Structure formats: structure tokens, C-alpha cells
Protein backbone atom coordinates (compact mmCIF):
# COMPACT_ATOMS: atom_id res chain seq x y z
CA UNK A 1 -69.28 33.18 28.21
CA UNK A 2 -68.76 30.11 26.80
CA UNK A 3 -71.33 28.37 25.00
CA UNK A 4 -70.63 25.69 27.81
CA UNK A 5 -72.60 27.84 30.07
CA UNK A 6 -75.93 27.09 30.91
CA UNK A 7 -78.45 29.53 29.05
CA UNK A 8 -80.11 31.73 32.50
CA UNK A 9 -82.70 34.41 31.13
CA UNK A 10 -81.97 37.79 31.67
CA UNK A 11 -82.06 39.54 34.76
CA UNK A 12 -81.49 36.00 36.94
CA UNK A 13 -79.34 36.42 40.16
CA UNK A 14 -77.68 33.47 39.56
CA UNK A 15 -76.57 35.18 36.12
CA UNK A 16 -74.49 37.50 37.67
CA UNK A 17 -70.34 36.67 37.58
CA UNK A 18 -68.82 37.08 40.78
CA UNK A 19 -65.26 38.67 41.70
CA UNK A 20 -62.95 36.91 43.92
CA UNK A 21 -59.15 37.84 44.98
CA UNK A 22 -56.75 34.91 44.90
CA UNK A 23 -53.65 36.07 46.61
CA UNK A 24 -51.26 37.85 47.66
CA UNK A 25 -51.14 36.30 50.60
CA UNK A 26 -52.90 33.04 49.86
CA UNK A 27 -51.48 29.78 50.99
CA UNK A 28 -51.43 28.60 47.66
CA UNK A 29 -49.22 31.32 45.75
CA UNK A 30 -46.73 32.27 48.69
CA UNK A 31 -46.55 35.94 48.20
CA UNK A 32 -45.70 35.44 44.56
CA UNK A 33 -49.12 37.21 42.73
CA UNK A 34 -52.43 38.43 43.10
CA UNK A 35 -54.99 37.57 40.76
CA UNK A 36 -58.55 38.55 40.74
CA UNK A 37 -60.56 36.44 39.02
CA UNK A 38 -64.30 36.56 37.76
CA UNK A 39 -66.01 33.39 38.20
CA UNK A 40 -69.20 32.29 36.75
CA UNK A 41 -69.85 29.39 39.19
CA UNK A 42 -66.78 27.54 39.54
CA UNK A 43 -65.56 28.58 36.02
CA UNK A 44 -63.43 31.26 35.74
CA UNK A 45 -64.31 33.70 32.78
CA UNK A 46 -61.51 36.36 33.30
CA UNK A 47 -58.20 37.10 35.57
CA UNK A 48 -56.38 39.92 35.72
CA UNK A 49 -52.48 39.19 37.75
CA UNK A 50 -50.42 41.68 39.71
CA UNK A 51 -47.22 40.56 39.68
CA UNK A 52 -44.09 42.13 42.25
CA UNK A 53 -45.05 40.59 45.41
CA UNK A 54 -42.45 38.13 45.19
CA UNK A 55 -39.95 40.88 46.30
CA UNK A 56 -38.35 40.44 50.28
CA UNK A 57 -35.60 42.67 49.93
CA UNK A 58 -33.41 40.15 49.81
CA UNK A 59 -30.51 42.51 47.71
CA UNK A 60 -31.12 45.09 50.56
CA UNK A 61 -30.12 43.18 53.21
CA UNK A 62 -26.96 41.46 51.26
CA UNK A 63 -25.92 44.48 50.80
CA UNK A 64 -24.79 45.18 54.43
CA UNK A 65 -23.71 41.36 55.23
CA UNK A 66 -20.40 40.15 54.22
CA UNK A 67 -20.10 37.23 51.49
CA UNK A 68 -20.47 34.41 53.57
CA UNK A 69 -23.58 35.33 55.21
CA UNK A 70 -25.75 35.32 52.70
CA UNK A 71 -26.33 31.38 52.52
CA UNK A 72 -29.59 32.14 54.93
CA UNK A 73 -30.67 34.22 52.02
CA UNK A 74 -30.62 32.04 49.44
CA UNK A 75 -32.07 29.44 51.21
CA UNK A 76 -35.33 30.96 51.25
CA UNK A 77 -35.44 32.06 47.41
CA UNK A 78 -37.03 28.96 46.67
CA UNK A 79 -37.10 25.99 49.87
CA UNK A 80 -38.39 22.98 48.18
CA UNK A 81 -34.56 23.43 46.77
CA UNK A 82 -32.62 25.74 48.73
CA UNK A 83 -28.83 23.83 48.03
CA UNK A 84 -29.03 24.82 44.54
CA UNK A 85 -29.67 28.24 46.07
CA UNK A 86 -27.02 28.11 48.03
CA UNK A 87 -24.37 26.52 45.52
CA UNK A 88 -25.20 28.98 43.03
CA UNK A 89 -23.97 32.16 45.17
CA UNK A 90 -20.85 29.97 46.13
CA UNK A 91 -19.99 29.60 42.95
CA UNK A 92 -20.75 32.91 41.64
CA UNK A 93 -18.63 34.05 45.24
CA UNK A 94 -15.45 31.40 44.14
CA UNK A 95 -15.84 32.80 40.56
CA UNK A 96 -15.20 36.51 41.83
CA UNK A 97 -12.38 35.70 44.05
CA UNK A 98 -10.81 33.01 41.25
CA UNK A 99 -10.73 30.06 43.36
CA UNK A 100 -11.22 26.36 41.75
CA UNK A 101 -12.35 23.84 43.94
CA UNK A 102 -10.91 20.07 44.56
CA UNK A 103 -13.10 17.34 41.95
CA UNK A 104 -14.32 15.83 45.40
CA UNK A 105 -16.13 18.74 46.23
CA UNK A 106 -17.60 19.19 43.20
CA UNK A 107 -18.97 16.08 43.03
CA UNK A 108 -20.11 16.40 46.38
CA UNK A 109 -22.38 19.52 45.30
CA UNK A 110 -23.79 17.87 42.37
CA UNK A 111 -24.79 15.27 44.68
CA UNK A 112 -26.39 17.51 47.07
CA UNK A 113 -27.96 19.94 43.94
CA UNK A 114 -29.49 16.52 41.94
CA UNK A 115 -31.16 15.43 45.17
CA UNK A 116 -32.31 19.02 45.78
CA UNK A 117 -33.64 18.88 41.73
CA UNK A 118 -35.60 15.48 43.04
CA UNK A 119 -36.48 16.74 45.78
CA UNK A 120 -38.43 19.96 43.96
CA UNK A 121 -39.83 17.80 41.25
CA UNK A 122 -40.80 15.21 43.76
CA UNK A 123 -43.12 18.11 45.03
CA UNK A 124 -44.17 19.77 41.88
CA UNK A 125 -45.08 16.56 40.16
CA UNK A 126 -47.40 14.80 43.28
CA UNK A 127 -48.56 18.37 43.49
CA UNK A 128 -50.29 18.34 40.48
CA UNK A 129 -51.61 15.03 40.75
CA UNK A 130 -53.31 17.02 44.07
CA UNK A 131 -54.75 19.78 41.71
CA UNK A 132 -56.19 17.23 39.47
CA UNK A 133 -58.01 15.10 42.25
CA UNK A 134 -55.25 12.56 42.66
CA UNK A 135 -53.77 12.34 46.88
CA UNK A 136 -52.62 9.17 46.87
CA UNK A 137 -48.83 9.84 44.85
CA UNK A 138 -48.39 12.84 46.65
CA UNK A 139 -49.04 10.99 50.03
CA UNK A 140 -46.77 8.06 48.49
CA UNK A 141 -43.79 9.96 47.26
CA UNK A 142 -43.92 12.77 50.02
CA UNK A 143 -41.98 9.84 52.24
CA UNK A 144 -38.97 9.62 49.91
CA UNK A 145 -38.27 13.62 50.11
CA UNK A 146 -37.73 12.91 54.19
CA UNK A 147 -35.15 10.51 53.23
CA UNK A 148 -33.70 13.17 51.13
CA UNK A 149 -33.69 15.86 54.14
CA UNK A 150 -32.49 13.07 56.10
CA UNK A 151 -29.58 12.68 53.59
CA UNK A 152 -29.06 16.96 54.39
CA UNK A 153 -29.45 16.87 57.95
CA UNK A 154 -26.66 14.46 57.82
CA UNK A 155 -24.38 17.09 55.98
CA UNK A 156 -24.82 20.47 57.97
CA UNK A 157 -27.85 19.59 60.58
CA UNK A 158 -30.82 21.14 59.15
CA UNK A 159 -33.74 20.12 56.67
CA UNK A 160 -35.64 22.57 54.33
CA UNK A 161 -33.67 26.12 54.78
CA UNK A 162 -30.30 24.33 54.74
CA UNK A 163 -27.82 26.61 54.70
CA UNK A 164 -25.65 24.25 53.36
CA UNK A 165 -22.54 24.36 52.05
CA UNK A 166 -19.99 27.34 52.16
CA UNK A 167 -17.84 29.30 49.92
CA UNK A 168 -14.94 27.15 48.80
CA UNK A 169 -16.79 23.26 49.52
CA UNK A 170 -18.50 22.36 52.67
CA UNK A 171 -18.15 23.52 56.31
CA UNK A 172 -17.80 19.72 57.66
CA UNK A 173 -17.02 16.35 55.74
CA UNK A 174 -19.63 13.73 54.87
CA UNK A 175 -19.65 11.23 57.73
CA UNK A 176 -20.38 7.21 56.83
CA UNK A 177 -24.23 8.22 57.93
CA UNK A 178 -25.29 10.21 54.98
CA UNK A 179 -23.51 8.40 52.38
CA UNK A 180 -25.69 5.39 53.97
CA UNK A 181 -29.16 6.95 54.03
CA UNK A 182 -27.59 8.02 50.13
CA UNK A 183 -27.27 4.66 49.05
CA UNK A 184 -30.57 3.87 50.85
CA UNK A 185 -32.47 6.30 48.70
CA UNK A 186 -30.91 5.14 45.36
CA UNK A 187 -31.78 1.93 45.90
CA UNK A 188 -35.70 2.16 46.86
CA UNK A 189 -36.79 5.24 45.05
CA UNK A 190 -36.65 4.61 41.87
CA UNK A 191 -39.38 1.78 41.69
CA UNK A 192 -41.80 4.19 43.89
CA UNK A 193 -40.78 6.64 41.03
CA UNK A 194 -41.82 4.42 38.27
CA UNK A 195 -45.13 3.54 40.24
CA UNK A 196 -45.74 6.92 40.84
CA UNK A 197 -45.20 7.25 36.99
CA UNK A 198 -47.52 4.35 36.09
CA UNK A 199 -50.29 5.82 38.45
CA UNK A 200 -50.48 9.11 36.46
CA UNK A 201 -48.64 9.01 32.80
CA UNK A 202 -51.85 6.85 31.12
CA UNK A 203 -54.07 7.96 33.24
CA UNK A 204 -56.74 9.10 31.21
CA UNK A 205 -58.61 11.64 33.80
CA UNK A 206 -55.29 12.99 34.69
CA UNK A 207 -54.15 13.19 31.07
CA UNK A 208 -58.05 15.02 30.38
CA UNK A 209 -56.79 17.42 33.19
CA UNK A 210 -53.25 18.56 32.50
CA UNK A 211 -53.07 18.23 28.34
CA UNK A 212 -53.60 21.57 26.35
CA UNK A 213 -54.33 23.19 29.67
CA UNK A 214 -51.48 26.23 30.48
CA UNK A 215 -49.95 25.76 27.51
CA UNK A 216 -46.65 28.01 26.58
CA UNK A 217 -45.35 28.21 23.56
CA UNK A 218 -41.23 28.50 22.88
CA UNK A 219 -41.06 32.23 21.96
CA UNK A 220 -43.27 33.19 24.75
CA UNK A 221 -41.34 31.28 27.41
CA UNK A 222 -38.25 33.00 26.18
CA UNK A 223 -39.34 36.27 26.46
CA UNK A 224 -41.25 35.65 29.79
CA UNK A 225 -37.78 34.66 31.32
CA UNK A 226 -38.73 30.85 31.74
CA UNK A 227 -35.91 28.66 33.00
CA UNK A 228 -35.50 25.28 33.90
CA UNK A 229 -37.76 22.70 32.85
CA UNK A 230 -40.72 25.05 32.10
CA UNK A 231 -38.51 26.60 29.65
CA UNK A 232 -37.26 22.90 28.62
CA UNK A 233 -41.09 21.67 28.32
CA UNK A 234 -41.55 24.29 26.22
CA UNK A 235 -39.62 22.79 23.38
CA UNK A 236 -35.95 24.69 24.24
CA UNK A 237 -33.16 22.42 24.27
CA UNK A 238 -31.17 24.41 26.79
CA UNK A 239 -29.80 23.07 30.26
CA UNK A 240 -27.02 25.55 31.87
CA UNK A 241 -25.27 22.49 32.95
CA UNK A 242 -24.56 21.27 29.17
CA UNK A 243 -24.28 24.43 27.79
CA UNK A 244 -22.12 26.59 30.61
CA UNK A 245 -21.46 23.38 32.48
CA UNK A 246 -20.18 24.51 36.28
CA UNK A 247 -19.02 22.14 39.43
CA UNK A 248 -17.85 19.79 36.64
CA UNK A 249 -21.16 18.78 35.10
CA UNK A 250 -19.08 18.13 31.98
CA UNK A 251 -17.40 14.80 33.38
CA UNK A 252 -20.85 13.26 33.24
CA UNK A 253 -23.37 12.01 31.03
CA UNK A 254 -26.86 12.25 30.81
CA UNK A 255 -29.86 13.51 28.32
CA UNK A 256 -32.01 17.19 28.21
CA UNK A 257 -35.73 15.64 28.41
CA UNK A 258 -37.84 18.63 26.31
CA UNK A 259 -40.69 18.63 25.71
CA UNK A 260 -43.02 20.07 22.72
CA UNK A 261 -46.42 21.74 23.76
CA UNK A 262 -45.30 23.44 26.71
CA UNK A 263 -48.51 22.52 28.38
CA UNK A 264 -49.26 21.11 32.32
CA UNK A 265 -48.56 17.72 30.53
CA UNK A 266 -45.54 18.87 29.53
CA UNK A 267 -44.16 19.50 31.83
CA UNK A 268 -44.74 17.54 34.63
CA UNK A 269 -43.48 14.50 31.93
CA UNK A 270 -40.13 16.14 31.88
CA UNK A 271 -39.97 16.39 35.86
CA UNK A 272 -40.40 13.32 35.74
CA UNK A 273 -37.65 12.30 33.69
CA UNK A 274 -35.58 14.90 35.16
CA UNK A 275 -35.65 13.19 38.24
CA UNK A 276 -34.38 10.12 36.50
CA UNK A 277 -31.47 11.81 34.70
CA UNK A 278 -30.58 13.22 38.09
CA UNK A 279 -30.60 9.80 39.80
CA UNK A 280 -28.28 8.62 37.25
CA UNK A 281 -26.21 11.69 37.80
CA UNK A 282 -26.06 10.90 41.78
CA UNK A 283 -24.77 7.99 40.94
CA UNK A 284 -22.47 8.93 38.82
CA UNK A 285 -21.23 11.10 41.38
CA UNK A 286 -20.68 8.40 43.99
CA UNK A 287 -18.45 6.11 42.27
CA UNK A 288 -16.67 9.27 40.83
CA UNK A 289 -15.82 10.37 44.80
CA UNK A 290 -15.08 6.59 46.13
CA UNK A 291 -12.75 6.71 42.69
CA UNK A 292 -10.77 9.17 44.00
CA UNK A 293 -8.12 8.05 46.19
CA UNK A 294 -5.20 9.08 48.67
CA UNK A 295 -6.12 13.01 50.33
CA UNK A 296 -8.21 13.80 47.15
CA UNK A 297 -10.60 11.05 49.17
CA UNK A 298 -10.95 13.64 52.01
CA UNK A 299 -10.76 17.15 50.41
CA UNK A 300 -14.27 19.10 51.26
CA UNK A 301 -13.37 22.43 51.08
CA UNK A 302 -10.94 24.74 49.03
CA UNK A 303 -8.62 26.86 51.37
CA UNK A 304 -8.34 30.21 50.12
CA UNK A 305 -8.12 32.11 53.28
CA UNK A 306 -4.93 33.61 52.24
CA UNK A 307 -6.58 34.66 48.70
CA UNK A 308 -9.10 36.78 50.65
CA UNK A 309 -6.55 38.46 52.71
CA UNK A 310 -4.83 39.58 50.17
CA UNK A 311 -8.01 40.93 48.62
CA UNK A 312 -9.49 42.03 51.02
CA UNK A 313 -8.49 45.89 50.45
CA UNK A 314 -10.17 45.82 46.94
CA UNK A 315 -13.26 43.30 47.89
CA UNK A 316 -14.16 46.05 51.20
CA UNK A 317 -14.14 49.49 48.48
CA UNK A 318 -15.67 47.20 45.84
CA UNK A 319 -18.61 45.81 48.32
CA UNK A 320 -18.86 49.58 50.28
CA UNK A 321 -22.71 50.22 49.98
């Protein structure tokens, strides 16, 4: 027991700790893992984790589906930013088929992916505030996630599990309303994000509840296979968009926020800075889309049916269960 605990007489009924199962079906964990907690009052004395509950048979289902029907599965790998998972699958298939997408397709994908990144980080950072005892920031930011969803709805007709995009590009071109809503988001979100940061970033209560908690070292993060902002918050300067560019990310200027301690506060700061970088990338991509001339301004899909037909026999043999 910690020295901070109240000393109770031996045999006191209050001295007995309580065992509590958190998960694997607890709404806060979404079936990711189970925690068996030992509680002394409200203080967690020890915990035992059981991992492995995340498996939902995606791989097995994918074995029985053609390549173009797997996007609905990648949607559900992380529904907070499902378009990024969709694009990852499409890029994999394009690499397999040797398909080179037009620049406009790359730029449109970057807009969608960076909106997804903002939507995901927006939820993470505002929920950290809720967990630390501040609900206001969450309610304030969530209305701007709705703006992101409205853009996706104009592009693909869906909001959460989007099924957005296709192998080779998008199922349809972006309409004018989608671009108008994008402009609205780029105009309205930055000042709100700044207000959100002012509410939390130097807030003494928030800092006391996040600094030094849940710290992960760089070596431990690498050994655990961390990626994204969790890895960068631990001090590892690695971003796939820079080290192995895809979708023409090499055409864009942006910085990689990196933390030092890998604690909850650093992770919050890194996500916040990544949202600012994503806004910059979206603005650059929007400008580049508008600068394209002639037919290049209309591309939203790479036509490659002849490639698939030519290689169909080979891939049927290769993908046969």
C-alpha cells in the first residue's frame, strides 16, 4: 500500500481491497482489453491486463471477399478516422496492381485523410479533458467534428463508417458543396482550436492530472510497436508521411511534432500540434487542387480495368483461400 493511504487498524473491514473487472465489454474500452483492478477505495493499487479481445475476424472475412469489398472492414478498424484506414487499403491494392493515381486524386485523398486525423485527435484531446474533469472543451469541439462529417457526407453519402474512396481514387467527384463546407471548416475551426488550447494547455488542474502520468519511454514504445502520436510523444521522430511518403505527401511542407516524456500531457500536446499541421496540409492540398488545369482538374479516379483484366488469372490464383 502507498504511504499516502489512510492507516487503518488491522482487521478493519475498510482495509480490505476490492477486485473490479474493467472490460472486456466496458463501454470505455470497446472490447480492446480487460483490466482486473485491485482497488483501495478509489485508488488503484494494482492491475492485471488481458489483451487480445480486439480480434473481430477481419482477416478471415477478407479472405472470402474480392479486393474492392474490403473497404467496409477497414472502416471499422478505427471508426474515429475510418477514411485513413480505407486509403491505406486502397494504396496497398494499387501497389499490388502497379496503379499510379493522378495528382488530383492524391491531393483529394490527403484532404480526406487529414480531416480524419483532425477528427480523431479532436476526440482524443477533448475526451482527455473529460477524463480530467473538464466537460466544456469536449462539447465545444464536437460540433466541429460534425462539420468534418458533413464534408464526408457530401463526398460519399456516409458519416462515421464511410466506405469512402475506391481502388484507384474515389467513386465520384467532389461537388461544389463539399468544397464550400471545407472552406467553412478551414475558416471556423482554427480560432476554436486556439480557444480549446487556451482552456487546457496551461490549466494547473489539467496539468497536475496529466503530467507524469502514463509515461512511456521511447524504447518501450518501440518495443510495444507504438505508432503515430503515441510514438512521437515518447520522443521518436518518425512519421510515415515524411520517411516513406505516399499520396504525394512529398509535395507538402509540414513539421512533425515530437514530445520528450511520453506522458499523457505530451501526448495531448503532440495531438494538438498535429491538428495545426493537418490544417496547413489541407490548405496546401486545396490550393494545389485549384491550381490544376484542363482535364487534370477533373480527375477523381484512375481507370485501370484493363490492368485488372490482364492480371485477373494471376491474382485469382494468388488470393485463392
